[in-house]
């Protein structure tokens, strides 16, 4: 059992990790070619709708590969259609634009929607699940810093500048406190200890009956194209709505997915 440090002691990723994000992301992407036969064995979907939310400063273009992969498995994977993710400037001050998008998809799909969020998109996905748990099936986050020290990131100053949201604001502080709690639906956090953008310790779910943490190897910017991430996302989405279970790491999977679990200490 790995114990995550207290929030005050969590630091931003090293400069080396930050500077090597791009080449490592390209390596994650290039691995798709030789892992294609394995990804082809991913669990098939049941056709339910999925809302994929991009990371900070990114748009739907960044999640095209992920959504295409999920579509190939039989899911109804959709983009968020809110342009570049600049926090409240894209979603509305209270996230009302994103909530409206979720409600529209649920109405069209005639059923609950699974949420997959990358980085900041995952933080938003968890908030959506709190706002409308009745239309959210499950949440999957990819390198999303929803707990711990919000300044343990290489881009927190840029976030404040572009989003207009100050981390010291009272409303933001309240949201951060709420974000540390597990959503009211099954939730899986996928993270990498080699994250060069956000501290991996901030991306780990508290241990619970309906939460899980899956560690992968790779970069933050390559999570949406990382073969291990794609397979794990497919596995999670294939869980029956009424019979969610943690990710199985036995057998050959143990070579790819470390078996260590994490407790979050606040």
C-alpha atoms as a PDB file:
ATOM      1  CA  UNK A   1       0.000   0.000   0.000  1.00  0.00           C
ATOM      2  CA  UNK A   2       1.431   3.362  -1.045  1.00  0.00           C
ATOM      3  CA  UNK A   3       0.473   6.334   1.099  1.00  0.00           C
ATOM      4  CA  UNK A   4       0.125   9.659  -0.683  1.00  0.00           C
ATOM      5  CA  UNK A   5       1.681  12.597   1.128  1.00  0.00           C
ATOM      6  CA  UNK A   6      -0.368  15.334   2.769  1.00  0.00           C
ATOM      7  CA  UNK A   7      -1.559  18.115   0.491  1.00  0.00           C
ATOM      8  CA  UNK A   8       0.862  20.699   1.877  1.00  0.00           C
ATOM      9  CA  UNK A   9       3.890  18.537   1.084  1.00  0.00           C
ATOM     10  CA  UNK A  10       2.919  17.718  -2.508  1.00  0.00           C
ATOM     11  CA  UNK A  11       5.075  19.548  -5.025  1.00  0.00           C
ATOM     12  CA  UNK A  12       4.804  20.261  -8.750  1.00  0.00           C
ATOM     13  CA  UNK A  13       6.473  17.811 -11.156  1.00  0.00           C
ATOM     14  CA  UNK A  14      10.181  18.313 -11.794  1.00  0.00           C
ATOM     15  CA  UNK A  15      11.377  20.573 -14.584  1.00  0.00           C
ATOM     16  CA  UNK A  16      12.859  17.536 -16.336  1.00  0.00           C
ATOM     17  CA  UNK A  17       9.492  15.770 -16.481  1.00  0.00           C
ATOM     18  CA  UNK A  18       7.822  18.943 -17.716  1.00  0.00           C
ATOM     19  CA  UNK A  19      10.390  19.501 -20.466  1.00  0.00           C
ATOM     20  CA  UNK A  20      10.178  15.901 -21.688  1.00  0.00           C
ATOM     21  CA  UNK A  21       6.386  15.808 -21.903  1.00  0.00           C
ATOM     22  CA  UNK A  22       6.238  16.317 -25.690  1.00  0.00           C
ATOM     23  CA  UNK A  23       8.718  13.595 -26.732  1.00  0.00           C
ATOM     24  CA  UNK A  24       7.227  11.176 -24.235  1.00  0.00           C
ATOM     25  CA  UNK A  25       3.718  11.928 -25.504  1.00  0.00           C
ATOM     26  CA  UNK A  26       4.905  11.169 -29.050  1.00  0.00           C
ATOM     27  CA  UNK A  27       6.274   7.867 -27.774  1.00  0.00           C
ATOM     28  CA  UNK A  28       2.886   7.039 -26.225  1.00  0.00           C
ATOM     29  CA  UNK A  29       1.229   7.774 -29.549  1.00  0.00           C
ATOM     30  CA  UNK A  30       3.729   5.734 -31.562  1.00  0.00           C
ATOM     31  CA  UNK A  31       3.124   2.710 -29.330  1.00  0.00           C
ATOM     32  CA  UNK A  32      -0.378   2.433 -30.805  1.00  0.00           C
ATOM     33  CA  UNK A  33       1.006   0.811 -33.951  1.00  0.00           C
ATOM     34  CA  UNK A  34       2.433  -2.277 -32.279  1.00  0.00           C
ATOM     35  CA  UNK A  35      -0.263  -2.541 -29.608  1.00  0.00           C
ATOM     36  CA  UNK A  36      -3.144  -2.411 -32.096  1.00  0.00           C
ATOM     37  CA  UNK A  37      -3.694  -6.221 -32.008  1.00  0.00           C
ATOM     38  CA  UNK A  38      -4.018  -6.084 -28.216  1.00  0.00           C
ATOM     39  CA  UNK A  39      -6.353  -3.087 -28.267  1.00  0.00           C
ATOM     40  CA  UNK A  40      -8.508  -4.966 -30.767  1.00  0.00           C
ATOM     41  CA  UNK A  41      -9.313  -7.418 -27.958  1.00  0.00           C
ATOM     42  CA  UNK A  42     -10.691  -4.653 -25.713  1.00  0.00           C
ATOM     43  CA  UNK A  43     -14.145  -5.350 -24.230  1.00  0.00           C
ATOM     44  CA  UNK A  44     -16.952  -4.300 -26.544  1.00  0.00           C
ATOM     45  CA  UNK A  45     -19.417  -1.608 -25.519  1.00  0.00           C
ATOM     46  CA  UNK A  46     -23.156  -1.764 -24.965  1.00  0.00           C
ATOM     47  CA  UNK A  47     -23.823   1.379 -26.986  1.00  0.00           C
ATOM     48  CA  UNK A  48     -24.391   3.771 -24.110  1.00  0.00           C
ATOM     49  CA  UNK A  49     -23.412   7.424 -24.484  1.00  0.00           C
ATOM     50  CA  UNK A  50     -20.086   8.820 -23.334  1.00  0.00           C
ATOM     51  CA  UNK A  51     -19.176  12.486 -22.903  1.00  0.00           C
ATOM     52  CA  UNK A  52     -15.429  13.063 -23.325  1.00  0.00           C
ATOM     53  CA  UNK A  53     -14.144  16.297 -21.777  1.00  0.00           C
ATOM     54  CA  UNK A  54     -10.768  17.713 -22.902  1.00  0.00           C
ATOM     55  CA  UNK A  55      -8.007  19.104 -20.721  1.00  0.00           C
ATOM     56  CA  UNK A  56      -6.970  22.674 -20.025  1.00  0.00           C
ATOM     57  CA  UNK A  57      -6.540  24.807 -23.194  1.00  0.00           C
ATOM     58  CA  UNK A  58      -7.518  21.803 -25.373  1.00  0.00           C
ATOM     59  CA  UNK A  59     -10.667  21.197 -27.386  1.00  0.00           C
ATOM     60  CA  UNK A  60     -12.481  18.269 -28.942  1.00  0.00           C
ATOM     61  CA  UNK A  61      -9.657  17.794 -31.425  1.00  0.00           C
ATOM     62  CA  UNK A  62      -7.442  16.492 -28.622  1.00  0.00           C
ATOM     63  CA  UNK A  63      -9.897  13.696 -27.801  1.00  0.00           C
ATOM     64  CA  UNK A  64     -10.591  12.597 -31.388  1.00  0.00           C
ATOM     65  CA  UNK A  65      -8.474   9.444 -31.169  1.00  0.00           C
ATOM     66  CA  UNK A  66     -10.004   8.423 -27.839  1.00  0.00           C
ATOM     67  CA  UNK A  67     -13.548   9.003 -29.078  1.00  0.00           C
ATOM     68  CA  UNK A  68     -12.831   7.139 -32.318  1.00  0.00           C
ATOM     69  CA  UNK A  69     -11.477   4.187 -30.348  1.00  0.00           C
ATOM     70  CA  UNK A  70     -14.589   4.106 -28.151  1.00  0.00           C
ATOM     71  CA  UNK A  71     -16.816   4.431 -31.198  1.00  0.00           C
ATOM     72  CA  UNK A  72     -15.097   1.417 -32.738  1.00  0.00           C
ATOM     73  CA  UNK A  73     -16.008  -0.531 -29.601  1.00  0.00           C
ATOM     74  CA  UNK A  74     -19.667   0.333 -30.057  1.00  0.00           C
ATOM     75  CA  UNK A  75     -20.113   3.332 -27.789  1.00  0.00           C
ATOM     76  CA  UNK A  76     -21.818   6.605 -28.612  1.00  0.00           C
ATOM     77  CA  UNK A  77     -18.797   8.785 -27.768  1.00  0.00           C
ATOM     78  CA  UNK A  78     -19.315  12.542 -28.010  1.00  0.00           C
ATOM     79  CA  UNK A  79     -17.214  15.665 -27.633  1.00  0.00           C
ATOM     80  CA  UNK A  80     -18.124  18.475 -25.308  1.00  0.00           C
ATOM     81  CA  UNK A  81     -18.603  21.109 -28.079  1.00  0.00           C
ATOM     82  CA  UNK A  82     -17.614  24.022 -25.851  1.00  0.00           C
ATOM     83  CA  UNK A  83     -14.452  24.994 -27.693  1.00  0.00           C
ATOM     84  CA  UNK A  84     -11.155  25.432 -25.907  1.00  0.00           C
ATOM     85  CA  UNK A  85     -11.254  24.383 -22.255  1.00  0.00           C
ATOM     86  CA  UNK A  86     -10.539  27.574 -20.353  1.00  0.00           C
ATOM     87  CA  UNK A  87     -12.333  26.603 -17.193  1.00  0.00           C
ATOM     88  CA  UNK A  88     -15.317  28.795 -16.237  1.00  0.00           C
ATOM     89  CA  UNK A  89     -14.853  30.875 -19.387  1.00  0.00           C
ATOM     90  CA  UNK A  90     -15.865  27.799 -21.389  1.00  0.00           C
ATOM     91  CA  UNK A  91     -18.339  26.069 -19.081  1.00  0.00           C
ATOM     92  CA  UNK A  92     -19.971  29.051 -17.398  1.00  0.00           C
ATOM     93  CA  UNK A  93     -19.319  30.346 -13.904  1.00  0.00           C
ATOM     94  CA  UNK A  94     -21.224  27.473 -12.278  1.00  0.00           C
ATOM     95  CA  UNK A  95     -20.566  24.965 -15.054  1.00  0.00           C
ATOM     96  CA  UNK A  96     -24.061  25.519 -16.452  1.00  0.00           C
ATOM     97  CA  UNK A  97     -23.032  25.164 -20.111  1.00  0.00           C
ATOM     98  CA  UNK A  98     -21.398  21.799 -19.521  1.00  0.00           C
ATOM     99  CA  UNK A  99     -24.343  20.614 -17.440  1.00  0.00           C
ATOM    100  CA  UNK A 100     -26.670  21.588 -20.266  1.00  0.00           C
ATOM    101  CA  UNK A 101     -24.546  19.568 -22.698  1.00  0.00           C
ATOM    102  CA  UNK A 102     -24.715  16.525 -20.413  1.00  0.00           C
ATOM    103  CA  UNK A 103     -28.492  16.810 -20.061  1.00  0.00           C
ATOM    104  CA  UNK A 104     -28.923  17.086 -23.831  1.00  0.00           C
ATOM    105  CA  UNK A 105     -26.854  13.941 -24.433  1.00  0.00           C
ATOM    106  CA  UNK A 106     -28.718  11.994 -21.736  1.00  0.00           C
ATOM    107  CA  UNK A 107     -32.058  13.013 -23.247  1.00  0.00           C
ATOM    108  CA  UNK A 108     -30.987  11.974 -26.747  1.00  0.00           C
ATOM    109  CA  UNK A 109     -29.463   8.702 -25.522  1.00  0.00           C
ATOM    110  CA  UNK A 110     -32.442   8.005 -23.249  1.00  0.00           C
ATOM    111  CA  UNK A 111     -30.188   6.928 -20.427  1.00  0.00           C
ATOM    112  CA  UNK A 112     -27.277   7.778 -18.115  1.00  0.00           C
ATOM    113  CA  UNK A 113     -24.024   8.963 -19.652  1.00  0.00           C
ATOM    114  CA  UNK A 114     -20.491   7.894 -18.741  1.00  0.00           C
ATOM    115  CA  UNK A 115     -18.017  10.738 -18.328  1.00  0.00           C
ATOM    116  CA  UNK A 116     -14.367  10.540 -19.388  1.00  0.00           C
ATOM    117  CA  UNK A 117     -12.307  13.596 -18.512  1.00  0.00           C
ATOM    118  CA  UNK A 118      -8.671  14.346 -19.274  1.00  0.00           C
ATOM    119  CA  UNK A 119      -6.790  16.507 -16.761  1.00  0.00           C
ATOM    120  CA  UNK A 120      -8.998  19.546 -16.000  1.00  0.00           C
ATOM    121  CA  UNK A 121     -11.760  17.766 -17.908  1.00  0.00           C
ATOM    122  CA  UNK A 122     -11.753  15.035 -15.276  1.00  0.00           C
ATOM    123  CA  UNK A 123     -12.132  17.562 -12.477  1.00  0.00           C
ATOM    124  CA  UNK A 124     -15.160  18.910 -14.334  1.00  0.00           C
ATOM    125  CA  UNK A 125     -16.529  15.412 -14.865  1.00  0.00           C
ATOM    126  CA  UNK A 126     -16.502  14.757 -11.130  1.00  0.00           C
ATOM    127  CA  UNK A 127     -18.368  18.005 -10.500  1.00  0.00           C
ATOM    128  CA  UNK A 128     -20.925  17.078 -13.150  1.00  0.00           C
ATOM    129  CA  UNK A 129     -21.527  13.783 -11.385  1.00  0.00           C
ATOM    130  CA  UNK A 130     -22.334  15.704  -8.199  1.00  0.00           C
ATOM    131  CA  UNK A 131     -24.671  18.074 -10.002  1.00  0.00           C
ATOM    132  CA  UNK A 132     -26.650  15.391 -11.845  1.00  0.00           C
ATOM    133  CA  UNK A 133     -25.884  11.896 -10.464  1.00  0.00           C
ATOM    134  CA  UNK A 134     -29.144  10.540 -11.847  1.00  0.00           C
ATOM    135  CA  UNK A 135     -27.889  10.880 -15.432  1.00  0.00           C
ATOM    136  CA  UNK A 136     -24.248   9.900 -14.880  1.00  0.00           C
ATOM    137  CA  UNK A 137     -23.338   6.217 -15.133  1.00  0.00           C
ATOM    138  CA  UNK A 138     -19.685   6.460 -14.068  1.00  0.00           C
ATOM    139  CA  UNK A 139     -16.675   8.796 -14.135  1.00  0.00           C
ATOM    140  CA  UNK A 140     -13.208   8.060 -15.492  1.00  0.00           C
ATOM    141  CA  UNK A 141     -10.452  10.629 -15.050  1.00  0.00           C
ATOM    142  CA  UNK A 142      -7.107  10.770 -16.871  1.00  0.00           C
ATOM    143  CA  UNK A 143      -4.383  12.600 -14.964  1.00  0.00           C
ATOM    144  CA  UNK A 144      -6.925  14.876 -13.278  1.00  0.00           C
ATOM    145  CA  UNK A 145      -5.725  16.914 -10.254  1.00  0.00           C
ATOM    146  CA  UNK A 146      -8.905  16.864  -8.180  1.00  0.00           C
ATOM    147  CA  UNK A 147      -7.317  16.694  -4.726  1.00  0.00           C
ATOM    148  CA  UNK A 148      -4.204  17.720  -2.815  1.00  0.00           C
ATOM    149  CA  UNK A 149      -2.299  20.940  -3.475  1.00  0.00           C
ATOM    150  CA  UNK A 150      -3.811  22.888  -6.430  1.00  0.00           C
ATOM    151  CA  UNK A 151      -0.512  24.685  -6.980  1.00  0.00           C
ATOM    152  CA  UNK A 152       1.385  21.409  -7.456  1.00  0.00           C
ATOM    153  CA  UNK A 153       1.269  21.886 -11.202  1.00  0.00           C
ATOM    154  CA  UNK A 154       3.483  23.397 -13.864  1.00  0.00           C
ATOM    155  CA  UNK A 155       0.558  25.369 -15.304  1.00  0.00           C
ATOM    156  CA  UNK A 156      -1.377  26.723 -12.324  1.00  0.00           C
ATOM    157  CA  UNK A 157      -0.361  30.330 -12.985  1.00  0.00           C
ATOM    158  CA  UNK A 158      -1.336  29.980 -16.640  1.00  0.00           C
ATOM    159  CA  UNK A 159      -4.668  28.523 -15.529  1.00  0.00           C
ATOM    160  CA  UNK A 160      -5.394  31.569 -13.388  1.00  0.00           C
ATOM    161  CA  UNK A 161      -4.458  33.919 -16.219  1.00  0.00           C
ATOM    162  CA  UNK A 162      -6.546  32.238 -18.916  1.00  0.00           C
ATOM    163  CA  UNK A 163      -9.539  31.069 -16.879  1.00  0.00           C
ATOM    164  CA  UNK A 164      -9.992  34.184 -14.775  1.00  0.00           C
ATOM    165  CA  UNK A 165     -10.398  31.942 -11.741  1.00  0.00           C
ATOM    166  CA  UNK A 166      -8.142  32.593  -8.758  1.00  0.00           C
ATOM    167  CA  UNK A 167      -7.196  29.594  -6.624  1.00  0.00           C
ATOM    168  CA  UNK A 168      -7.431  31.816  -3.551  1.00  0.00           C
ATOM    169  CA  UNK A 169     -11.052  32.816  -4.195  1.00  0.00           C
ATOM    170  CA  UNK A 170     -13.566  31.665  -1.592  1.00  0.00           C
ATOM    171  CA  UNK A 171     -15.774  29.938  -4.179  1.00  0.00           C
ATOM    172  CA  UNK A 172     -12.770  28.171  -5.692  1.00  0.00           C
ATOM    173  CA  UNK A 173     -11.610  27.002  -2.266  1.00  0.00           C
ATOM    174  CA  UNK A 174     -15.063  25.546  -1.641  1.00  0.00           C
ATOM    175  CA  UNK A 175     -14.988  23.708  -4.957  1.00  0.00           C
ATOM    176  CA  UNK A 176     -11.539  22.321  -4.170  1.00  0.00           C
ATOM    177  CA  UNK A 177     -12.722  20.978  -0.810  1.00  0.00           C
ATOM    178  CA  UNK A 178     -15.705  19.335  -2.485  1.00  0.00           C
ATOM    179  CA  UNK A 179     -13.546  17.943  -5.283  1.00  0.00           C
ATOM    180  CA  UNK A 180     -11.556  15.814  -2.831  1.00  0.00           C
ATOM    181  CA  UNK A 181     -14.652  13.755  -2.065  1.00  0.00           C
ATOM    182  CA  UNK A 182     -15.491  10.761  -4.247  1.00  0.00           C
ATOM    183  CA  UNK A 183     -18.374  11.370  -6.696  1.00  0.00           C
ATOM    184  CA  UNK A 184     -21.757   9.754  -5.939  1.00  0.00           C
ATOM    185  CA  UNK A 185     -21.247   7.325  -8.841  1.00  0.00           C
ATOM    186  CA  UNK A 186     -18.537   4.717  -9.588  1.00  0.00           C
ATOM    187  CA  UNK A 187     -15.303   6.542 -10.306  1.00  0.00           C
ATOM    188  CA  UNK A 188     -11.912   5.437 -11.648  1.00  0.00           C
ATOM    189  CA  UNK A 189      -8.775   7.577 -11.653  1.00  0.00           C
ATOM    190  CA  UNK A 190      -6.073   6.729 -14.200  1.00  0.00           C
ATOM    191  CA  UNK A 191      -2.736   8.392 -13.508  1.00  0.00           C
ATOM    192  CA  UNK A 192       1.004   8.208 -14.171  1.00  0.00           C
ATOM    193  CA  UNK A 193       3.806   8.870 -11.704  1.00  0.00           C
ATOM    194  CA  UNK A 194       5.786  10.324 -14.615  1.00  0.00           C
ATOM    195  CA  UNK A 195       3.259  13.136 -15.078  1.00  0.00           C
ATOM    196  CA  UNK A 196       5.127  16.302 -16.028  1.00  0.00           C
ATOM    197  CA  UNK A 197       2.140  18.661 -15.770  1.00  0.00           C
ATOM    198  CA  UNK A 198       0.390  17.885 -12.479  1.00  0.00           C
ATOM    199  CA  UNK A 199       1.517  16.060  -9.363  1.00  0.00           C
ATOM    200  CA  UNK A 200       0.339  12.458  -9.649  1.00  0.00           C
ATOM    201  CA  UNK A 201      -0.539  12.464  -5.941  1.00  0.00           C
ATOM    202  CA  UNK A 202      -3.323  14.937  -6.750  1.00  0.00           C
ATOM    203  CA  UNK A 203      -4.879  12.510  -9.248  1.00  0.00           C
ATOM    204  CA  UNK A 204      -5.715   9.616  -6.909  1.00  0.00           C
ATOM    205  CA  UNK A 205      -9.179   8.660  -5.674  1.00  0.00           C
ATOM    206  CA  UNK A 206      -9.788   8.035  -1.966  1.00  0.00           C
ATOM    207  CA  UNK A 207     -10.271   4.328  -1.317  1.00  0.00           C
ATOM    208  CA  UNK A 208     -13.948   3.356  -1.353  1.00  0.00           C
ATOM    209  CA  UNK A 209     -16.451   0.712  -2.416  1.00  0.00           C
ATOM    210  CA  UNK A 210     -17.013   2.385  -5.797  1.00  0.00           C
ATOM    211  CA  UNK A 211     -13.632   3.985  -6.505  1.00  0.00           C
ATOM    212  CA  UNK A 212     -10.485   2.662  -8.117  1.00  0.00           C
ATOM    213  CA  UNK A 213      -7.042   3.910  -9.131  1.00  0.00           C
ATOM    214  CA  UNK A 214      -5.171   2.598 -12.154  1.00  0.00           C
ATOM    215  CA  UNK A 215      -1.520   3.494 -12.570  1.00  0.00           C
ATOM    216  CA  UNK A 216      -0.015   3.512 -16.056  1.00  0.00           C
ATOM    217  CA  UNK A 217       3.396   4.432 -17.400  1.00  0.00           C
ATOM    218  CA  UNK A 218       3.671   7.430 -19.690  1.00  0.00           C
ATOM    219  CA  UNK A 219       3.266  11.179 -20.013  1.00  0.00           C
ATOM    220  CA  UNK A 220       0.420  13.499 -19.071  1.00  0.00           C
ATOM    221  CA  UNK A 221      -0.011  14.881 -22.594  1.00  0.00           C
ATOM    222  CA  UNK A 222      -0.077  11.389 -24.076  1.00  0.00           C
ATOM    223  CA  UNK A 223      -2.743   9.913 -21.812  1.00  0.00           C
ATOM    224  CA  UNK A 224      -5.419  10.149 -24.499  1.00  0.00           C
ATOM    225  CA  UNK A 225      -3.320   8.007 -26.862  1.00  0.00           C
ATOM    226  CA  UNK A 226      -1.585   5.744 -24.352  1.00  0.00           C
ATOM    227  CA  UNK A 227      -2.471   2.104 -25.214  1.00  0.00           C
ATOM    228  CA  UNK A 228      -2.606   1.096 -21.547  1.00  0.00           C
ATOM    229  CA  UNK A 229      -5.015   3.967 -20.864  1.00  0.00           C
ATOM    230  CA  UNK A 230      -7.232   3.116 -23.828  1.00  0.00           C
ATOM    231  CA  UNK A 231      -7.533  -0.516 -22.746  1.00  0.00           C
ATOM    232  CA  UNK A 232      -8.248   0.455 -19.129  1.00  0.00           C
ATOM    233  CA  UNK A 233     -10.927   2.956 -20.201  1.00  0.00           C
ATOM    234  CA  UNK A 234     -12.566   0.291 -22.382  1.00  0.00           C
ATOM    235  CA  UNK A 235     -12.499  -2.163 -19.494  1.00  0.00           C
ATOM    236  CA  UNK A 236     -14.128   0.318 -17.120  1.00  0.00           C
ATOM    237  CA  UNK A 237     -16.829   1.364 -19.573  1.00  0.00           C
ATOM    238  CA  UNK A 238     -17.746  -2.275 -20.198  1.00  0.00           C
ATOM    239  CA  UNK A 239     -18.735  -2.732 -16.551  1.00  0.00           C
ATOM    240  CA  UNK A 240     -22.494  -3.372 -16.175  1.00  0.00           C
ATOM    241  CA  UNK A 241     -24.301  -0.335 -14.819  1.00  0.00           C
ATOM    242  CA  UNK A 242     -25.556  -2.315 -11.823  1.00  0.00           C
ATOM    243  CA  UNK A 243     -22.451  -4.437 -11.213  1.00  0.00           C
ATOM    244  CA  UNK A 244     -19.379  -2.188 -11.147  1.00  0.00           C
ATOM    245  CA  UNK A 245     -16.174  -3.853  -9.986  1.00  0.00           C
ATOM    246  CA  UNK A 246     -12.553  -2.672  -9.563  1.00  0.00           C
ATOM    247  CA  UNK A 247     -10.042  -3.173 -12.348  1.00  0.00           C
ATOM    248  CA  UNK A 248      -8.519  -6.658 -12.477  1.00  0.00           C
ATOM    249  CA  UNK A 249      -4.708  -6.540 -12.495  1.00  0.00           C
ATOM    250  CA  UNK A 250      -3.946 -10.278 -12.446  1.00  0.00           C
ATOM    251  CA  UNK A 251      -2.252 -12.392 -15.106  1.00  0.00           C
ATOM    252  CA  UNK A 252      -0.645 -10.619 -18.047  1.00  0.00           C
ATOM    253  CA  UNK A 253      -2.138  -7.293 -16.983  1.00  0.00           C
ATOM    254  CA  UNK A 254       0.234  -7.238 -14.005  1.00  0.00           C
ATOM    255  CA  UNK A 255       3.078  -6.560 -16.468  1.00  0.00           C
ATOM    256  CA  UNK A 256       1.395  -3.351 -17.583  1.00  0.00           C
ATOM    257  CA  UNK A 257      -0.537  -2.113 -14.571  1.00  0.00           C
ATOM    258  CA  UNK A 258       1.295  -1.834 -11.229  1.00  0.00           C
ATOM    259  CA  UNK A 259      -0.623  -3.438  -8.377  1.00  0.00           C
ATOM    260  CA  UNK A 260       0.142  -0.782  -5.787  1.00  0.00           C
ATOM    261  CA  UNK A 261      -2.833   1.040  -4.317  1.00  0.00           C
ATOM    262  CA  UNK A 262      -2.866   4.529  -2.814  1.00  0.00           C
ATOM    263  CA  UNK A 263      -4.458   6.109   0.206  1.00  0.00           C
ATOM    264  CA  UNK A 264      -4.954   9.861   0.136  1.00  0.00           C
ATOM    265  CA  UNK A 265      -3.972  11.649   3.313  1.00  0.00           C
ATOM    266  CA  UNK A 266      -5.589  15.063   3.737  1.00  0.00           C
END
